[in-house]
């Protein structure tokens, strides 16, 4: 029976689960950034995401771009997602912008 359980996991169920989770996290991340400029976690630590041009909340395109880059990196290779999330620490401009921020033309700013 253990063999059947692992077969079912790789028989498409796992990929369906991953797809559903990507959809849920994408909707959450994008909607929160567009409407509030931050997810609940960002709010808890006093950070919001703003458009670099005018300081307003990201629009849908920027929010999607900011979410897609780590998601695709993780889909390609799990640890690559971690590298993308750590990319602000490699920012030579000392503005601590991640690769997703450069692509989306956004910046994370302190609110506290």
Protein backbone atom coordinates (compact mmCIF):
# COMPACT_ATOMS: atom_id res chain seq x y z
CA UNK A 1 0.00 0.00 0.00
CA UNK A 2 2.91 2.36 0.60
CA UNK A 3 3.93 1.85 -2.99
CA UNK A 4 0.43 2.83 -4.16
CA UNK A 5 0.47 6.00 -2.06
CA UNK A 6 3.75 7.17 -3.57
CA UNK A 7 2.52 6.26 -7.04
CA UNK A 8 -0.58 8.41 -6.52
CA UNK A 9 1.55 11.30 -5.31
CA UNK A 10 3.50 11.31 -8.58
CA UNK A 11 0.47 10.40 -10.66
CA UNK A 12 -0.53 14.06 -10.92
CA UNK A 13 -1.86 14.70 -7.41
CA UNK A 14 1.34 16.41 -6.33
CA UNK A 15 1.36 18.68 -9.35
CA UNK A 16 -2.31 19.54 -8.85
CA UNK A 17 -1.54 20.45 -5.24
CA UNK A 18 1.41 22.64 -6.30
CA UNK A 19 -0.71 24.36 -8.95
CA UNK A 20 -3.52 25.05 -6.45
CA UNK A 21 -1.03 26.44 -3.92
CA UNK A 22 0.57 28.66 -6.58
CA UNK A 23 -2.84 30.05 -7.50
CA UNK A 24 -3.80 30.70 -3.87
CA UNK A 25 -0.48 32.33 -2.96
CA UNK A 26 -0.48 34.36 -6.17
CA UNK A 27 -3.96 35.72 -5.54
CA UNK A 28 -3.09 36.53 -1.92
CA UNK A 29 0.24 38.21 -2.67
CA UNK A 30 -0.98 40.24 -5.66
CA UNK A 31 -4.25 41.36 -4.08
CA UNK A 32 -2.57 42.42 -0.83
CA UNK A 33 0.20 44.37 -2.59
CA UNK A 34 -2.25 46.13 -4.90
CA UNK A 35 -4.76 47.04 -2.19
CA UNK A 36 -2.54 47.56 0.88
CA UNK A 37 1.03 47.62 -0.35
CA UNK A 38 1.94 44.75 1.98
CA UNK A 39 1.06 41.22 2.98
CA UNK A 40 0.18 40.45 6.58
CA UNK A 41 3.78 39.39 7.24
CA UNK A 42 5.17 42.61 5.78
CA UNK A 43 2.72 44.61 7.87
CA UNK A 44 3.78 42.73 11.00
CA UNK A 45 7.45 43.65 10.49
CA UNK A 46 6.73 47.20 9.34
CA UNK A 47 7.47 46.97 5.63
CA UNK A 48 5.45 47.91 2.58
CA UNK A 49 6.12 47.66 -1.13
CA UNK A 50 5.93 50.82 -3.20
CA UNK A 51 6.37 51.73 -6.84
CA UNK A 52 9.78 53.27 -7.29
CA UNK A 53 8.41 56.04 -9.51
CA UNK A 54 5.81 57.52 -7.16
CA UNK A 55 5.69 55.60 -3.86
CA UNK A 56 2.17 54.31 -4.49
CA UNK A 57 1.08 50.69 -4.08
CA UNK A 58 2.20 48.47 -6.95
CA UNK A 59 -0.26 48.01 -9.79
CA UNK A 60 -1.38 44.51 -10.80
CA UNK A 61 1.43 44.10 -13.35
CA UNK A 62 4.14 45.02 -10.86
CA UNK A 63 2.62 42.86 -8.12
CA UNK A 64 2.38 39.87 -10.46
CA UNK A 65 5.97 40.39 -11.65
CA UNK A 66 7.18 40.62 -8.06
CA UNK A 67 5.39 37.36 -7.18
CA UNK A 68 6.18 35.40 -10.36
CA UNK A 69 9.98 35.70 -10.24
CA UNK A 70 10.49 33.74 -6.99
CA UNK A 71 7.65 31.34 -7.87
CA UNK A 72 9.22 30.45 -11.23
CA UNK A 73 12.66 30.17 -9.64
CA UNK A 74 11.23 27.75 -7.09
CA UNK A 75 9.49 25.74 -9.79
CA UNK A 76 12.77 25.41 -11.69
CA UNK A 77 14.82 24.45 -8.63
CA UNK A 78 13.64 24.83 -5.04
CA UNK A 79 16.82 26.38 -3.67
CA UNK A 80 16.85 28.92 -6.47
CA UNK A 81 13.74 30.47 -4.89
CA UNK A 82 15.72 30.98 -1.69
CA UNK A 83 18.50 32.70 -3.65
CA UNK A 84 15.92 35.03 -5.24
CA UNK A 85 14.46 35.90 -1.82
CA UNK A 86 17.96 36.55 -0.48
CA UNK A 87 18.88 38.74 -3.47
CA UNK A 88 18.33 42.03 -1.57
CA UNK A 89 21.44 41.15 0.44
CA UNK A 90 23.46 41.12 -2.81
CA UNK A 91 22.26 44.56 -3.96
CA UNK A 92 25.35 46.66 -4.66
CA UNK A 93 23.28 49.89 -4.71
CA UNK A 94 22.76 49.43 -0.94
CA UNK A 95 19.03 50.01 -1.38
CA UNK A 96 18.40 46.33 -0.59
CA UNK A 97 16.19 45.78 -3.61
CA UNK A 98 15.62 42.19 -4.67
CA UNK A 99 15.77 40.99 -8.26
CA UNK A 100 11.95 40.92 -8.20
CA UNK A 101 11.96 44.60 -7.15
CA UNK A 102 14.18 45.56 -10.08
CA UNK A 103 11.93 43.67 -12.50
CA UNK A 104 8.74 45.17 -11.04
CA UNK A 105 10.21 48.66 -10.49
CA UNK A 106 9.32 48.52 -6.80
CA UNK A 107 11.09 48.97 -3.49
CA UNK A 108 10.37 47.75 0.03
CA UNK A 109 10.21 50.61 2.54
CA UNK A 110 9.96 50.68 6.32
CA UNK A 111 6.70 51.87 7.84
CA UNK A 112 7.75 51.75 11.51
